Amino acid sequence: MADLGEIEDALDVLMQSGVPKEKITVLHATTEYPCPINEVNLRAMQTIRAAFGVKVGYSDHTQGIEVPIAAVAMGACIIEKHFTLDRAMEGPDHKASLEPNELKAMTLAIRHIDQAMGDGIKRPTPSEVRNKPIARKSLVASRAINDGEVFSTENITAKRPGNGISPMRWDEVISSIAPRNFAADELIELTTPKSTLHMPPGYLTK
């Protein structure tokens, strides 16, 4: 039921009383039981974090478990949720509360989301590193190619696995000369592999 100015006033009271800002978490909430979905306004939670530089959470009064799960995905580090043994019990909060099996499902989903958020660094995951050579593609002969023939869109294509020349080098390969015969589906090479030549000690010294 507050606006940003009232939240600022409350934070001032806490911090002037000696509470460090890093010890404070502000929970966004909509005080209606149950709360209409179109009044949840989860983005307000992010607004609070940006405005005051505090940790944020979400106090949920909606029916179901989707909204608190979404709040975690948006950065909530605390979730408050009413639960009850039976929604048919007397009292204003029971209808907006979770029963035990729902609370368990919400908690499990939140733990999964928390793990799925990761650290934000874009890089191949350990499982992707294993999959990379299999899932990526290489340039291969789409048909038999003769030694000296020009590589073109008519005789090369991209297929798995990715242990050959990357399709990202397509423009480099097109119009190059085949250094040898290639069978259909064979990995393309731009030069014929050379055998290792062993030089005697001191051969290249002046």
Protein backbone atom coordinates (compact mmCIF):
# COMPACT_ATOMS: atom_id res chain seq x y z
CA MET A 1 0.00 0.00 0.00
CA ALA A 2 3.08 2.26 -0.20
CA ASP A 3 4.69 4.46 -2.81
CA LEU A 4 8.43 5.02 -3.21
CA GLY A 5 8.41 8.01 -0.88
CA GLU A 6 6.92 5.97 1.98
CA ILE A 7 9.43 3.19 1.39
CA GLU A 8 12.22 5.76 1.57
CA ASP A 9 10.82 7.07 4.88
CA ALA A 10 10.77 3.54 6.33
CA LEU A 11 14.34 2.90 5.18
CA ASP A 12 15.48 6.17 6.74
CA VAL A 13 14.00 5.13 10.09
CA LEU A 14 15.86 1.82 9.99
CA MET A 15 19.20 3.21 8.86
CA GLN A 16 19.09 6.17 11.26
CA SER A 17 18.57 3.59 14.01
CA GLY A 18 21.82 1.90 13.00
CA VAL A 19 20.62 -0.88 10.68
CA PRO A 20 23.13 -1.29 7.80
CA LYS A 21 21.55 -1.15 4.35
CA GLU A 22 23.07 -4.54 3.48
CA LYS A 23 21.01 -6.07 6.31
CA ILE A 24 17.72 -4.81 4.85
CA THR A 25 15.49 -6.62 2.37
CA VAL A 26 12.34 -4.85 1.13
CA LEU A 27 9.45 -7.13 0.21
CA HIS A 28 7.08 -5.87 -2.47
CA ALA A 29 3.47 -6.85 -1.75
CA THR A 30 -0.08 -6.09 -2.85
CA THR A 31 -2.40 -6.13 0.14
CA GLU A 32 -5.52 -7.81 -1.16
CA TYR A 33 -6.58 -11.38 -0.31
CA PRO A 34 -6.48 -12.96 -2.82
CA CYS A 35 -4.58 -10.47 -4.95
CA PRO A 36 -5.82 -10.00 -8.55
CA ILE A 37 -3.14 -11.05 -11.04
CA ASN A 38 -3.33 -7.73 -12.89
CA GLU A 39 -2.46 -5.85 -9.68
CA VAL A 40 0.66 -7.84 -8.75
CA ASN A 41 3.10 -5.50 -10.55
CA LEU A 42 6.24 -7.59 -10.06
CA ARG A 43 8.31 -4.95 -11.87
CA ALA A 44 7.78 -2.66 -8.85
CA MET A 45 10.10 -5.02 -6.97
CA GLN A 46 12.87 -4.22 -9.45
CA THR A 47 12.05 -0.51 -9.20
CA ILE A 48 12.56 -0.66 -5.43
CA ARG A 49 15.93 -2.38 -5.84
CA ALA A 50 17.11 0.18 -8.40
CA ALA A 51 15.86 3.16 -6.39
CA PHE A 52 17.36 2.25 -3.02
CA GLY A 53 20.12 -0.25 -3.69
CA VAL A 54 18.63 -2.82 -1.32
CA LYS A 55 17.91 -6.52 -1.61
CA VAL A 56 14.30 -7.23 -2.54
CA GLY A 57 11.78 -9.98 -2.00
CA TYR A 58 8.11 -10.62 -2.62
CA SER A 59 5.20 -11.18 -0.26
CA ASP A 60 2.57 -13.03 -2.27
CA HIS A 61 -1.18 -13.00 -1.81
CA THR A 62 -2.16 -14.45 -5.19
CA GLN A 63 -3.75 -17.85 -5.59
CA GLY A 64 -1.44 -20.53 -6.93
CA ILE A 65 2.33 -20.70 -7.14
CA GLU A 66 3.25 -19.09 -10.47
CA VAL A 67 3.78 -15.51 -9.26
CA PRO A 68 6.26 -16.21 -6.45
CA ILE A 69 8.22 -18.46 -8.82
CA ALA A 70 8.34 -15.60 -11.34
CA ALA A 71 9.44 -13.24 -8.55
CA VAL A 72 12.45 -15.43 -7.86
CA ALA A 73 13.36 -15.34 -11.55
CA MET A 74 13.19 -11.53 -11.34
CA GLY A 75 15.56 -11.31 -8.38
CA ALA A 76 13.55 -11.90 -5.20
CA CYS A 77 15.80 -13.34 -2.50
CA ILE A 78 12.95 -13.85 0.01
CA ILE A 79 9.47 -15.21 -0.67
CA GLU A 80 6.67 -14.87 1.87
CA LYS A 81 3.57 -16.99 1.22
CA HIS A 82 0.58 -17.87 3.36
CA PHE A 83 -0.09 -21.56 3.83
CA THR A 84 -2.85 -23.48 5.52
CA LEU A 85 -3.81 -27.06 6.25
CA ASP A 86 -7.17 -26.51 4.51
CA ARG A 87 -8.40 -23.54 2.44
CA ALA A 88 -11.96 -24.26 3.67
CA MET A 89 -11.02 -23.23 7.22
CA GLU A 90 -12.52 -20.02 8.67
CA GLY A 91 -10.63 -16.76 8.40
CA PRO A 92 -9.74 -14.19 5.70
CA ASP A 93 -6.31 -15.57 4.74
CA HIS A 94 -7.10 -19.22 4.06
CA LYS A 95 -8.51 -18.65 0.57
CA ALA A 96 -5.25 -17.01 -0.55
CA SER A 97 -3.06 -19.65 1.09
CA LEU A 98 -1.35 -22.76 -0.15
CA GLU A 99 -2.11 -26.22 1.13
CA PRO A 100 0.86 -28.46 2.08
CA ASN A 101 1.25 -30.20 -1.30
CA GLU A 102 1.18 -26.84 -3.08
CA LEU A 103 3.74 -25.35 -0.71
CA LYS A 104 6.02 -28.29 -1.43
CA ALA A 105 5.60 -27.81 -5.20
CA MET A 106 6.31 -24.07 -4.93
CA THR A 107 9.42 -24.62 -2.83
CA LEU A 108 10.79 -27.22 -5.25
CA ALA A 109 10.12 -24.97 -8.25
CA ILE A 110 11.83 -22.02 -6.54
CA ARG A 111 14.91 -24.14 -5.80
CA HIS A 112 15.03 -25.16 -9.47
CA ILE A 113 14.68 -21.56 -10.65
CA ASP A 114 17.40 -20.44 -8.26
CA GLN A 115 19.79 -23.00 -9.73
CA ALA A 116 18.74 -22.15 -13.28
CA MET A 117 19.55 -18.45 -12.86
CA GLY A 118 23.30 -19.15 -12.99
CA ASP A 119 26.02 -16.51 -12.76
CA GLY A 120 25.14 -14.56 -15.90
CA ILE A 121 28.41 -15.26 -17.72
CA LYS A 122 27.73 -16.43 -21.28
CA ARG A 123 30.00 -19.37 -21.95
CA PRO A 124 29.59 -23.05 -22.91
CA THR A 125 28.41 -25.18 -19.99
CA PRO A 126 30.24 -28.42 -19.12
CA SER A 127 27.56 -30.48 -20.88
CA GLU A 128 27.73 -28.21 -23.95
CA VAL A 129 31.50 -28.66 -24.15
CA ARG A 130 30.88 -32.41 -24.47
CA ASN A 131 28.14 -31.86 -27.07
CA LYS A 132 29.97 -29.27 -29.12
CA PRO A 133 31.91 -31.58 -31.48
CA ILE A 134 28.78 -33.66 -32.07
CA ALA A 135 26.19 -30.90 -32.44
CA ARG A 136 28.15 -28.42 -34.54
CA LYS A 137 28.76 -28.87 -38.25
CA SER A 138 31.68 -29.06 -40.65
CA LEU A 139 32.09 -28.48 -44.37
CA VAL A 140 31.82 -31.77 -46.26
CA ALA A 141 31.60 -32.91 -49.84
CA SER A 142 27.99 -33.10 -50.98
CA ARG A 143 29.12 -35.42 -53.78
CA ALA A 144 32.37 -36.89 -55.04
CA ILE A 145 34.90 -34.15 -55.80
CA ASN A 146 37.94 -34.63 -58.02
CA ASP A 147 41.46 -33.38 -57.29
CA GLY A 148 41.78 -29.86 -58.76
CA GLU A 149 38.02 -29.23 -58.94
CA VAL A 150 36.77 -25.87 -57.64
CA PHE A 151 34.81 -25.97 -54.38
CA SER A 152 31.35 -24.51 -54.99
CA THR A 153 27.77 -24.49 -53.74
CA GLU A 154 27.24 -27.49 -56.00
CA ASN A 155 29.75 -29.81 -54.33
CA ILE A 156 30.07 -28.82 -50.64
CA THR A 157 27.59 -28.54 -47.79
CA ALA A 158 27.53 -28.43 -43.98
CA LYS A 159 26.84 -31.53 -41.89
CA ARG A 160 27.54 -32.89 -38.43
CA PRO A 161 29.90 -33.56 -36.66
CA GLY A 162 31.90 -30.38 -36.03
CA ASN A 163 35.43 -31.77 -36.13
CA GLY A 164 36.35 -30.30 -39.51
CA ILE A 165 36.37 -26.86 -41.15
CA SER A 166 33.66 -24.65 -39.64
CA PRO A 167 30.84 -23.48 -41.95
CA MET A 168 31.78 -19.97 -40.73
CA ARG A 169 34.69 -20.26 -43.20
CA TRP A 170 32.30 -20.90 -46.13
CA ASP A 171 33.34 -17.79 -48.08
CA GLU A 172 37.00 -18.71 -47.67
CA VAL A 173 36.44 -22.24 -48.97
CA ILE A 174 34.19 -21.38 -51.93
CA SER A 175 36.27 -20.99 -55.13
CA SER A 176 39.27 -22.74 -53.55
CA ILE A 177 40.78 -25.71 -55.35
CA ALA A 178 40.32 -29.26 -54.06
CA PRO A 179 43.80 -30.49 -53.09
CA ARG A 180 42.79 -34.14 -53.62
CA ASN A 181 39.82 -36.40 -54.36
CA PHE A 182 36.98 -36.33 -51.83
CA ALA A 183 34.21 -38.88 -51.42
CA ALA A 184 30.64 -37.79 -50.69
CA ASP A 185 30.24 -36.71 -47.01
CA GLU A 186 34.03 -36.60 -46.48
CA LEU A 187 35.37 -33.67 -44.48
CA ILE A 188 36.74 -30.93 -46.70
CA GLU A 189 40.41 -29.94 -46.42
CA LEU A 190 42.01 -26.91 -48.04
CA THR A 191 45.50 -28.39 -48.23
CA THR A 192 46.77 -31.95 -48.38
CA PRO A 193 48.18 -33.01 -44.97
CA LYS A 194 51.98 -33.13 -45.09
CA SER A 195 54.09 -35.89 -43.59
CA THR A 196 56.42 -34.91 -40.78
CA LEU A 197 59.95 -34.21 -42.04
CA HIS A 198 62.69 -34.89 -39.49
CA MET A 199 65.76 -32.65 -39.85
CA PRO A 200 69.19 -33.58 -38.46
CA PRO A 201 70.38 -31.54 -35.46
CA GLY A 202 71.76 -28.13 -36.47
CA TYR A 203 70.32 -28.34 -40.02
CA LEU A 204 68.70 -24.88 -39.86
CA THR A 205 71.47 -23.14 -37.93
CA LYS A 206 73.74 -20.67 -39.68
